[in-house]
Amino acid sequence: MPFTALHPELGLLDSTLPGLGHDLKWGQVHKVHPRVLLTCPDCSWGLHPKVSRYGVRFFCHDRNRPESCELLNESWEHHMLKLEMAGAIREAGWFAALEVPAEDGSWRADVMASSADGSRRMAWEAQLSPITLDDIATRTDRYAEEGIRVCWVHPGARPPQWISAVPAVRVRAPQERDQPWVVDDGLAGFVYRSGRWEFQEEPLERFVRWALEEQLVPVEVLPRYRRVYRVVDGEQRRFRRDQWWTSRRSIADQDKHEAMRQRQEAARAEREARQKEQEEAAERRRQELEEQERARKAEETERRRLQREEEARVRLEEAQRRWAEEDARRERERVEREARLAREQAEREEQERQDLETARAWWCRLSPQQQTELFAAVAEYAWRESSVRVEVPEKPMMWPQYARGVPIHVADKRRTLYGIVRPCPGLVAACPTLAEELVLARSAHEARELAAVLPQGQGRIVHLDLPEHEQLTMC
């Protein structure tokens, strides 16, 4: 859907210009017979004039057109944006030509703006389709090589990836026919007070006039100011922009603010350096004082160490004296204790000898036959009175803790003590535990002897009512 066509005699026709650029009426090429042979400037295919339902004049390819034609593949939105840019350029007093190719074919401008004296040119590119950063930068450089300024215009809902890589803006199409196109992104002003860039919106026509007259120029944003905020759908969002279209005043304000910031940073760095120097001086003084304090403490520590050593020497001598006295005392006590233990041992041995003689005299009252009768009577008594069987020892043993009596045990696994047989009355006083046991005597006479020496009311004494001794048996 091109707006230009090649006339076989007049050359390039522009449907957006009055007289098609050659004082030629639209009716002289539109729906005339015979048909004017018009061709496409890009693919040289046949074209015929048409008018859209909105009254827009354009040229249309004939049937079987080549699919590779760049002008053929442009969308309606693309064409409308080109018309809008061309109209804005002409309103600014510049000449606007659509679909202008380079002489060597290295570029084709959607709209080429030329000043009235022809000394300045500026290309306006409507870029809707995706393009890489390298490609758009290369195309921009081609224009720059020929001294042509350029502005890339994107009508999409979101900013393209290259919005700040090249001189570019994003525009918003009008909702109503009588409303203007608006530059929505890519145009900003620098607010010195806050030290940041802020998005600005302007009608496309005004932006085009300012850009042509270089009242707005593309500027590289300093690294500190590339972050910019904007409210989108009621929510504040953060963007990054490396390049803006802006006024020279905003450029000066950015440079002024950066210079001010650098002065502040330099002043802050100087203050920090002075503060650091003061802190280092204070630290050196603190270290000196600490060193002096350490020396004083070391001297005091050495003095106290010598004092402690002297006190320790005195204490050691005193302790050694006490230790010697203590050793002498312990030696005396040891000698006395050993003498006492020897006496006590001798006394115990003498007591045991006397106890043993007393016990032997007690037991020697019974003949072997009487002893056998005694233990048989004990077994019979235990079975008759307690229904238990007791172990009768083959060789009765006299136990000192039971007043040299013979302990009798129940014949079970636990060997429960049943009673003490015939303890010696003369030894009962030295055996207090005997009062808790069953004491078995041979006769009533022996029972009375034992009762006389047991504590009153304690001890259970049972006599087996065996005959009295016939005679004393010599052991």
Protein backbone atom coordinates (compact mmCIF):
# COMPACT_ATOMS: atom_id res chain seq x y z
CA MET A 1 0.00 0.00 0.00
CA PRO A 2 2.46 2.71 -1.18
CA PHE A 3 1.72 6.42 -1.22
CA THR A 4 4.13 7.03 -4.09
CA ALA A 5 4.28 5.81 -7.67
CA LEU A 6 6.52 6.35 -10.70
CA HIS A 7 4.89 8.22 -13.63
CA PRO A 8 6.35 7.33 -17.06
CA GLU A 9 6.88 11.03 -17.86
CA LEU A 10 6.66 13.07 -14.64
CA GLY A 11 8.63 10.75 -12.38
CA LEU A 12 7.67 10.26 -8.69
CA LEU A 13 4.08 11.02 -7.71
CA ASP A 14 3.15 11.53 -4.03
CA SER A 15 -0.51 10.98 -3.22
CA THR A 16 -0.19 12.96 0.03
CA LEU A 17 0.87 16.18 -1.74
CA PRO A 18 -1.42 18.67 -3.44
CA GLY A 19 -1.05 18.17 -7.20
CA LEU A 20 0.75 14.90 -6.45
CA GLY A 21 3.94 16.95 -6.42
CA HIS A 22 3.63 17.93 -10.15
CA ASP A 23 0.55 20.18 -10.40
CA LEU A 24 -1.38 17.10 -11.41
CA LYS A 25 -4.96 16.51 -10.34
CA TRP A 26 -5.93 13.20 -8.75
CA GLY A 27 -8.60 12.73 -11.38
CA GLN A 28 -5.97 12.73 -14.08
CA VAL A 29 -4.62 9.41 -12.83
CA HIS A 30 -7.58 7.94 -10.90
CA LYS A 31 -10.13 5.95 -12.90
CA VAL A 32 -9.10 7.33 -16.29
CA HIS A 33 -9.10 5.61 -19.66
CA PRO A 34 -6.78 4.76 -21.03
CA ARG A 35 -5.05 3.88 -17.73
CA VAL A 36 -1.85 5.76 -16.79
CA LEU A 37 1.03 3.26 -16.55
CA LEU A 38 2.23 3.74 -12.95
CA THR A 39 4.87 1.50 -11.34
CA CYS A 40 6.05 0.76 -7.78
CA PRO A 41 9.27 2.60 -6.80
CA ASP A 42 10.44 -0.51 -4.91
CA CYS A 43 9.52 -3.53 -7.07
CA SER A 44 8.61 -1.80 -10.40
CA TRP A 45 5.28 -3.65 -10.45
CA GLY A 46 2.20 -1.98 -11.85
CA LEU A 47 0.18 0.30 -9.56
CA HIS A 48 -3.28 1.83 -9.82
CA PRO A 49 -4.67 4.74 -7.74
CA LYS A 50 -7.27 4.06 -5.00
CA VAL A 51 -9.13 5.96 -2.26
CA SER A 52 -9.91 4.36 1.14
CA ARG A 53 -13.29 4.64 2.83
CA TYR A 54 -11.80 7.36 5.02
CA GLY A 55 -10.79 9.38 1.93
CA VAL A 56 -7.09 8.46 2.05
CA ARG A 57 -5.47 8.43 -1.39
CA PHE A 58 -2.89 5.71 -2.10
CA PHE A 59 -1.63 3.37 -4.82
CA CYS A 60 -2.38 -0.32 -4.97
CA HIS A 61 -0.36 -3.12 -6.62
CA ASP A 62 -1.85 -4.89 -9.60
CA ARG A 63 -2.59 -8.61 -9.40
CA ASN A 64 0.15 -11.20 -9.07
CA ARG A 65 2.38 -8.67 -7.32
CA PRO A 66 5.71 -9.92 -5.86
CA GLU A 67 5.54 -10.78 -2.16
CA SER A 68 9.03 -9.39 -1.54
CA CYS A 69 8.04 -5.75 -2.04
CA GLU A 70 8.67 -3.81 1.17
CA LEU A 71 5.95 -1.25 0.40
CA LEU A 72 3.43 -4.03 -0.14
CA ASN A 73 4.01 -5.60 3.30
CA GLU A 74 3.35 -2.46 5.30
CA SER A 75 0.22 -2.49 7.54
CA TRP A 76 -2.57 0.06 7.55
CA GLU A 77 -1.34 1.37 10.92
CA HIS A 78 2.11 1.83 9.40
CA HIS A 79 0.66 3.87 6.52
CA MET A 80 -1.45 6.01 8.83
CA LEU A 81 1.56 6.78 11.00
CA LYS A 82 3.55 7.80 7.94
CA LEU A 83 0.73 10.11 6.85
CA GLU A 84 0.59 11.62 10.34
CA MET A 85 4.34 12.25 10.39
CA ALA A 86 4.28 13.72 6.88
CA GLY A 87 1.45 16.05 7.86
CA ALA A 88 3.29 17.16 11.01
CA ILE A 89 6.46 17.86 9.01
CA ARG A 90 4.57 19.99 6.50
CA GLU A 91 2.79 21.87 9.32
CA ALA A 92 6.25 22.74 10.66
CA GLY A 93 7.12 24.37 7.31
CA TRP A 94 9.38 21.58 6.09
CA PHE A 95 9.06 19.53 2.96
CA ALA A 96 8.00 15.89 3.52
CA ALA A 97 8.59 13.14 0.96
CA LEU A 98 7.37 9.56 1.55
CA GLU A 99 9.24 6.37 0.77
CA VAL A 100 12.48 8.10 -0.21
CA PRO A 101 15.29 5.69 -1.17
CA ALA A 102 19.02 6.31 -1.02
CA GLU A 103 20.85 6.72 -4.31
CA ASP A 104 22.80 3.50 -3.65
CA GLY A 105 19.72 1.72 -2.27
CA SER A 106 21.29 1.30 1.21
CA TRP A 107 18.22 2.79 2.94
CA ARG A 108 14.64 3.87 2.31
CA ALA A 109 13.11 6.49 4.58
CA ASP A 110 9.42 6.18 5.39
CA VAL A 111 9.23 9.98 5.50
CA MET A 112 12.12 12.29 4.63
CA ALA A 113 11.86 15.83 6.01
CA SER A 114 13.85 18.57 4.22
CA SER A 115 14.24 22.18 5.33
CA ALA A 116 12.99 24.94 3.07
CA ASP A 117 16.53 25.79 1.93
CA GLY A 118 17.36 22.11 1.46
CA SER A 119 20.38 22.28 3.79
CA ARG A 120 18.99 19.93 6.44
CA ARG A 121 17.33 16.55 6.23
CA MET A 122 15.78 14.29 8.84
CA ALA A 123 14.40 10.78 8.32
CA TRP A 124 11.30 9.62 10.19
CA GLU A 125 10.93 5.86 10.43
CA ALA A 126 7.70 4.14 11.47
CA GLN A 127 8.96 0.87 12.98
CA LEU A 128 6.22 -1.63 13.88
CA SER A 129 7.81 -4.98 13.10
CA PRO A 130 10.45 -6.54 15.43
CA ILE A 131 14.04 -5.52 14.76
CA THR A 132 17.29 -6.34 16.54
CA LEU A 133 19.42 -3.76 18.30
CA ASP A 134 22.27 -4.35 15.87
CA ASP A 135 20.07 -3.85 12.80
CA ILE A 136 18.45 -0.64 14.00
CA ALA A 137 21.82 0.75 15.12
CA THR A 138 23.29 -0.08 11.70
CA ARG A 139 20.44 1.64 9.87
CA THR A 140 20.82 4.68 12.12
CA ASP A 141 24.54 4.83 11.37
CA ARG A 142 23.83 4.79 7.62
CA TYR A 143 21.75 7.93 7.97
CA ALA A 144 24.44 9.57 10.12
CA GLU A 145 27.10 8.84 7.48
CA GLU A 146 25.15 11.01 5.04
CA GLY A 147 24.49 13.77 7.55
CA ILE A 148 20.81 12.84 8.01
CA ARG A 149 19.25 12.96 11.43
CA VAL A 150 16.70 10.25 12.21
CA CYS A 151 13.87 9.51 14.62
CA TRP A 152 12.38 6.04 15.01
CA VAL A 153 8.68 6.01 15.87
CA HIS A 154 6.94 2.99 17.39
CA PRO A 155 3.12 2.88 17.82
CA GLY A 156 2.96 -0.28 19.95
CA ALA A 157 1.34 -0.57 23.37
CA ARG A 158 4.69 -1.31 25.04
CA PRO A 159 8.09 0.35 24.56
CA PRO A 160 10.32 -1.67 22.23
CA GLN A 161 13.68 -3.01 23.33
CA TRP A 162 15.50 -0.37 21.27
CA ILE A 163 13.56 2.63 22.67
CA SER A 164 16.69 4.12 24.23
CA ALA A 165 19.33 2.54 21.99
CA VAL A 166 18.69 4.98 19.11
CA PRO A 167 16.85 8.31 18.80
CA ALA A 168 13.29 7.03 19.15
CA VAL A 169 9.85 7.65 20.61
CA ARG A 170 6.74 5.60 21.20
CA VAL A 171 3.43 7.16 20.08
CA ARG A 172 -0.15 6.51 21.09
CA ALA A 173 -2.81 6.46 18.37
CA PRO A 174 -5.94 8.58 18.99
CA GLN A 175 -9.14 6.93 20.18
CA GLU A 176 -11.26 9.37 18.16
CA ARG A 177 -10.63 10.77 14.69
CA ASP A 178 -10.43 14.37 15.87
CA GLN A 179 -7.85 13.56 18.59
CA PRO A 180 -4.10 13.94 17.93
CA TRP A 181 -1.38 11.32 18.00
CA VAL A 182 0.64 11.66 21.23
CA VAL A 183 4.29 10.95 21.99
CA ASP A 184 3.97 8.65 25.02
CA ASP A 185 7.58 7.51 25.62
CA GLY A 186 11.06 8.63 24.62
CA LEU A 187 10.48 12.29 25.50
CA ALA A 188 11.55 13.52 28.93
CA GLY A 189 12.55 16.56 30.89
CA PHE A 190 15.15 16.79 33.63
CA VAL A 191 13.91 18.10 37.00
CA TYR A 192 16.87 19.72 38.68
CA ARG A 193 15.28 19.85 42.13
CA SER A 194 14.72 16.08 42.33
CA GLY A 195 17.74 15.23 40.19
CA ARG A 196 15.93 12.87 37.86
CA TRP A 197 14.32 12.55 34.45
CA GLU A 198 10.53 12.52 34.13
CA PHE A 199 8.43 11.24 31.28
CA GLN A 200 6.69 13.91 29.20
CA GLU A 201 3.81 13.61 26.76
CA GLU A 202 3.34 15.92 23.79
CA PRO A 203 1.24 15.81 20.60
CA LEU A 204 3.17 14.20 17.78
CA GLU A 205 2.78 17.31 15.61
CA ARG A 206 4.42 19.52 18.26
CA PHE A 207 7.16 16.99 18.90
CA VAL A 208 7.96 16.79 15.16
CA ARG A 209 8.21 20.59 14.89
CA TRP A 210 10.50 20.83 17.94
CA ALA A 211 12.68 17.94 16.71
CA LEU A 212 13.02 19.44 13.21
CA GLU A 213 14.04 22.81 14.63
CA GLU A 214 16.38 21.02 17.08
CA GLN A 215 14.58 22.43 20.06
CA LEU A 216 14.49 18.75 21.07
CA VAL A 217 17.59 16.63 20.54
CA PRO A 218 18.53 13.08 21.51
CA VAL A 219 20.87 12.97 24.47
CA GLU A 220 22.76 10.17 26.19
CA VAL A 221 21.64 9.84 29.80
CA LEU A 222 24.39 9.86 32.39
CA PRO A 223 24.64 6.52 34.24
CA ARG A 224 23.39 7.94 37.55
CA TYR A 225 20.12 9.15 36.00
CA ARG A 226 19.10 6.18 33.87
CA ARG A 227 16.52 4.96 36.36
CA VAL A 228 13.14 6.63 35.90
CA TYR A 229 9.72 6.05 37.45
CA ARG A 230 6.24 6.25 35.97
CA VAL A 231 2.73 5.42 37.11
CA VAL A 232 1.20 2.74 34.84
CA ASP A 233 -2.33 1.45 35.50
CA GLY A 234 -2.30 3.05 38.95
CA GLU A 235 1.00 1.41 39.92
CA GLN A 236 4.41 3.08 40.04
CA ARG A 237 6.92 1.22 37.90
CA ARG A 238 10.61 1.59 37.31
CA PHE A 239 12.18 1.89 33.85
CA ARG A 240 15.68 2.26 32.48
CA ARG A 241 16.42 4.76 29.72
CA ASP A 242 19.86 5.36 28.23
CA GLN A 243 18.72 8.02 25.74
CA TRP A 244 15.97 10.64 25.58
CA TRP A 245 14.59 13.28 23.29
CA THR A 246 14.80 16.40 25.39
CA SER A 247 15.47 20.13 25.38
CA ARG A 248 18.89 21.70 25.57
CA ARG A 249 17.87 23.20 28.88
CA SER A 250 17.27 19.73 30.32
CA ILE A 251 20.66 18.65 28.99
CA ALA A 252 22.23 21.64 30.73
CA ASP A 253 20.28 20.89 33.91
CA GLN A 254 21.48 17.28 33.87
CA ASP A 255 25.09 18.42 33.39
CA LYS A 256 24.65 21.08 36.06
CA HIS A 257 23.13 18.59 38.49
CA GLU A 258 25.90 16.08 37.76
CA ALA A 259 28.53 18.78 38.34
CA MET A 260 26.78 19.72 41.58
CA ARG A 261 26.61 16.07 42.59
CA GLN A 262 30.29 15.58 41.80
CA ARG A 263 31.14 18.67 43.86
CA GLN A 264 29.06 17.27 46.69
CA GLU A 265 30.74 13.90 46.37
CA ALA A 266 34.13 15.60 46.25
CA ALA A 267 33.22 17.63 49.33
CA ARG A 268 31.91 14.51 51.02
CA ALA A 269 35.05 12.63 50.03
CA GLU A 270 37.12 15.49 51.43
CA ARG A 271 35.10 15.46 54.65
CA GLU A 272 35.43 11.71 54.86
CA ALA A 273 39.17 12.02 54.20
CA ARG A 274 39.49 14.63 56.97
CA GLN A 275 37.34 12.54 59.25
CA LYS A 276 39.40 9.47 58.39
CA GLU A 277 42.59 11.42 59.07
CA GLN A 278 41.18 12.61 62.39
CA GLU A 279 40.06 9.09 63.22
CA GLU A 280 43.50 7.76 62.29
CA ALA A 281 45.15 10.43 64.47
CA ALA A 282 42.76 9.56 67.28
CA GLU A 283 43.49 5.88 66.70
CA ARG A 284 47.25 6.54 66.85
CA ARG A 285 46.79 8.52 70.06
CA ARG A 286 44.62 5.74 71.45
CA GLN A 287 47.25 3.19 70.52
CA GLU A 288 49.95 5.31 72.17
CA LEU A 289 47.87 5.58 75.32
CA GLU A 290 47.19 1.87 75.18
CA GLU A 291 50.91 1.21 74.75
CA GLN A 292 51.68 3.43 77.74
CA GLU A 293 48.96 1.69 79.70
CA ARG A 294 50.32 -1.70 78.68
CA ALA A 295 53.83 -0.63 79.77
CA ARG A 296 52.47 0.62 83.10
CA LYS A 297 50.49 -2.56 83.56
CA ALA A 298 53.52 -4.66 82.60
CA GLU A 299 55.62 -2.78 85.19
CA GLU A 300 52.89 -3.17 87.77
CA THR A 301 52.52 -6.83 86.84
CA GLU A 302 56.29 -7.37 87.25
CA ARG A 303 56.25 -5.62 90.62
CA ARG A 304 53.33 -7.73 91.77
CA ARG A 305 55.00 -10.86 90.41
CA LEU A 306 58.14 -10.17 92.46
CA GLN A 307 55.97 -9.38 95.46
CA ARG A 308 54.01 -12.59 94.98
CA GLU A 309 57.24 -14.57 94.57
CA GLU A 310 58.55 -13.13 97.86
CA GLU A 311 55.26 -13.81 99.59
CA ALA A 312 55.21 -17.30 98.09
CA ARG A 313 58.78 -17.91 99.34
CA VAL A 314 57.80 -16.81 102.84
CA ARG A 315 54.64 -18.92 102.70
CA LEU A 316 56.63 -21.89 101.42
CA GLU A 317 59.13 -21.61 104.28
CA GLU A 318 56.24 -21.31 106.74
CA ALA A 319 54.47 -24.24 105.10
CA GLN A 320 57.64 -26.32 105.16
CA ARG A 321 58.00 -25.57 108.85
CA ARG A 322 54.35 -26.54 109.44
CA TRP A 323 54.79 -29.61 107.27
CA ALA A 324 57.78 -30.68 109.34
CA GLU A 325 55.83 -30.16 112.55
CA GLU A 326 52.85 -31.98 111.02
CA ASP A 327 55.06 -34.86 109.89
CA ALA A 328 56.55 -35.10 113.38
CA ARG A 329 53.08 -35.00 114.92
CA ARG A 330 51.81 -37.64 112.50
CA GLU A 331 54.82 -39.81 113.26
CA ARG A 332 54.11 -39.57 117.00
CA GLU A 333 50.44 -40.32 116.40
CA ARG A 334 51.39 -43.24 114.14
CA VAL A 335 53.66 -44.70 116.80
CA GLU A 336 50.99 -44.18 119.46
CA ARG A 337 48.30 -45.62 117.16
CA GLU A 338 50.35 -48.66 116.34
CA ALA A 339 51.07 -49.17 120.03
CA ARG A 340 47.38 -48.74 120.82
CA LEU A 341 46.36 -51.10 118.03
CA ALA A 342 48.90 -53.62 119.23
CA ARG A 343 47.47 -53.38 122.75
CA GLU A 344 43.92 -53.63 121.44
CA GLN A 345 44.88 -56.55 119.22
CA ALA A 346 46.45 -58.26 122.19
CA GLU A 347 43.41 -57.48 124.29
CA ARG A 348 41.11 -58.85 121.56
CA GLU A 349 43.19 -61.95 121.21
CA GLU A 350 43.19 -62.38 124.96
CA GLN A 351 39.43 -61.76 125.03
CA GLU A 352 38.89 -64.21 122.19
CA ARG A 353 41.05 -66.77 124.00
CA GLN A 354 39.08 -66.28 127.17
CA ASP A 355 35.77 -66.39 125.23
CA LEU A 356 36.88 -69.53 123.49
CA GLU A 357 37.88 -71.11 126.79
CA THR A 358 34.53 -70.07 128.26
CA ALA A 359 32.68 -71.50 125.25
CA ARG A 360 34.66 -74.71 125.34
CA ALA A 361 33.92 -75.09 129.03
CA TRP A 362 30.22 -74.47 128.26
CA TRP A 363 30.09 -76.98 125.43
CA CYS A 364 32.25 -79.49 127.26
CA ARG A 365 29.40 -79.98 129.67
CA LEU A 366 27.88 -82.17 126.94
CA SER A 367 29.21 -85.43 125.73
CA PRO A 368 29.29 -86.08 121.99
CA GLN A 369 26.21 -88.27 122.39
CA GLN A 370 24.38 -85.49 124.22
CA GLN A 371 25.33 -83.02 121.47
CA THR A 372 23.94 -85.38 118.84
CA GLU A 373 20.72 -85.75 120.89
CA LEU A 374 20.55 -81.96 121.21
CA PHE A 375 20.67 -81.25 117.45
CA ALA A 376 18.23 -84.11 116.74
CA ALA A 377 15.85 -82.57 119.27
CA VAL A 378 16.27 -79.18 117.56
CA ALA A 379 15.33 -80.68 114.18
CA GLU A 380 12.34 -82.42 115.70
CA TYR A 381 11.23 -79.21 117.43
CA ALA A 382 11.47 -77.18 114.21
CA TRP A 383 9.36 -79.68 112.33
CA ARG A 384 6.83 -80.03 115.11
CA GLU A 385 6.43 -76.36 115.92
CA SER A 386 7.13 -74.63 112.58
CA SER A 387 6.77 -77.40 109.96
CA VAL A 388 10.22 -76.63 108.58
CA ARG A 389 13.22 -78.78 108.07
CA VAL A 390 16.51 -77.50 109.34
CA GLU A 391 20.04 -78.36 108.38
CA VAL A 392 21.82 -80.17 111.20
CA PRO A 393 25.59 -79.59 110.79
CA GLU A 394 27.83 -82.61 110.88
CA LYS A 395 30.46 -80.56 112.70
CA PRO A 396 28.75 -77.83 114.68
CA MET A 397 30.58 -74.46 114.45
CA MET A 398 30.48 -71.97 117.28
CA TRP A 399 29.96 -68.42 115.98
CA PRO A 400 31.40 -65.49 117.97
CA GLN A 401 28.52 -63.12 116.97
CA TYR A 402 26.02 -65.55 118.45
CA ALA A 403 27.86 -65.95 121.84
CA ARG A 404 29.57 -69.08 120.54
CA GLY A 405 26.22 -70.70 119.88
CA VAL A 406 25.62 -72.84 116.75
CA PRO A 407 23.35 -71.26 114.08
CA ILE A 408 20.75 -73.57 112.52
CA HIS A 409 19.35 -72.73 109.05
CA VAL A 410 16.16 -73.72 107.31
CA ALA A 411 16.81 -76.28 104.58
CA ASP A 412 15.76 -74.03 101.66
CA LYS A 413 17.53 -72.18 98.85
CA ARG A 414 17.83 -68.99 100.85
CA ARG A 415 19.27 -70.70 103.96
CA THR A 416 17.10 -68.68 106.30
CA LEU A 417 18.40 -68.54 109.86
CA TYR A 418 16.06 -70.56 112.12
CA GLY A 419 17.69 -70.17 115.55
CA ILE A 420 20.82 -70.27 117.70
CA VAL A 421 21.53 -73.49 119.60
CA ARG A 422 22.91 -73.21 123.11
CA PRO A 423 24.77 -69.85 123.17
CA CYS A 424 27.19 -69.42 126.06
CA PRO A 425 25.60 -67.40 128.92
CA GLY A 426 28.91 -65.79 129.79
CA LEU A 427 29.24 -64.30 126.30
CA VAL A 428 25.65 -63.16 125.73
CA ALA A 429 26.32 -59.62 126.98
CA ALA A 430 28.79 -59.02 124.11
CA CYS A 431 26.23 -60.12 121.46
CA PRO A 432 23.23 -57.73 121.50
CA THR A 433 21.79 -59.10 118.22
CA LEU A 434 21.16 -62.41 119.97
CA ALA A 435 18.08 -60.91 121.61
CA GLU A 436 16.38 -60.81 118.16
CA GLU A 437 16.89 -64.52 117.40
CA LEU A 438 15.29 -67.78 118.59
CA VAL A 439 17.54 -69.29 121.26
CA LEU A 440 17.36 -73.09 121.75
CA ALA A 441 18.55 -74.45 125.13
CA ARG A 442 18.94 -78.09 126.17
CA SER A 443 17.05 -77.88 129.43
CA ALA A 444 15.10 -75.57 131.65
CA HIS A 445 18.20 -75.00 133.76
CA GLU A 446 20.17 -73.73 130.75
CA ALA A 447 17.18 -71.62 129.71
CA ARG A 448 17.18 -69.92 133.08
CA GLU A 449 20.91 -69.26 132.83
CA LEU A 450 20.42 -67.58 129.43
CA ALA A 451 17.37 -65.62 130.53
CA ALA A 452 19.36 -64.23 133.41
CA VAL A 453 21.90 -62.58 131.06
CA LEU A 454 19.57 -61.49 128.22
CA PRO A 455 17.97 -58.03 128.45
CA GLN A 456 14.72 -58.23 130.34
CA GLY A 457 11.73 -58.77 128.10
CA GLN A 458 13.85 -59.55 125.04
CA GLY A 459 14.77 -62.77 123.31
CA ARG A 460 12.86 -65.94 122.77
CA ILE A 461 14.29 -68.89 124.67
CA VAL A 462 13.04 -72.41 124.09
CA HIS A 463 14.33 -75.38 126.07
CA LEU A 464 14.04 -78.82 124.58
CA ASP A 465 13.48 -80.49 127.97
CA LEU A 466 16.37 -82.90 127.60
CA PRO A 467 17.83 -84.63 130.72
CA GLU A 468 20.34 -82.69 132.78
CA HIS A 469 24.03 -83.45 132.43
CA GLU A 470 25.07 -86.67 133.96
CA GLN A 471 28.61 -85.57 134.35
CA LEU A 472 30.96 -82.89 133.12
CA THR A 473 32.80 -83.90 130.09
CA MET A 474 36.42 -82.87 129.84
CA CYS A 475 37.31 -81.28 126.47
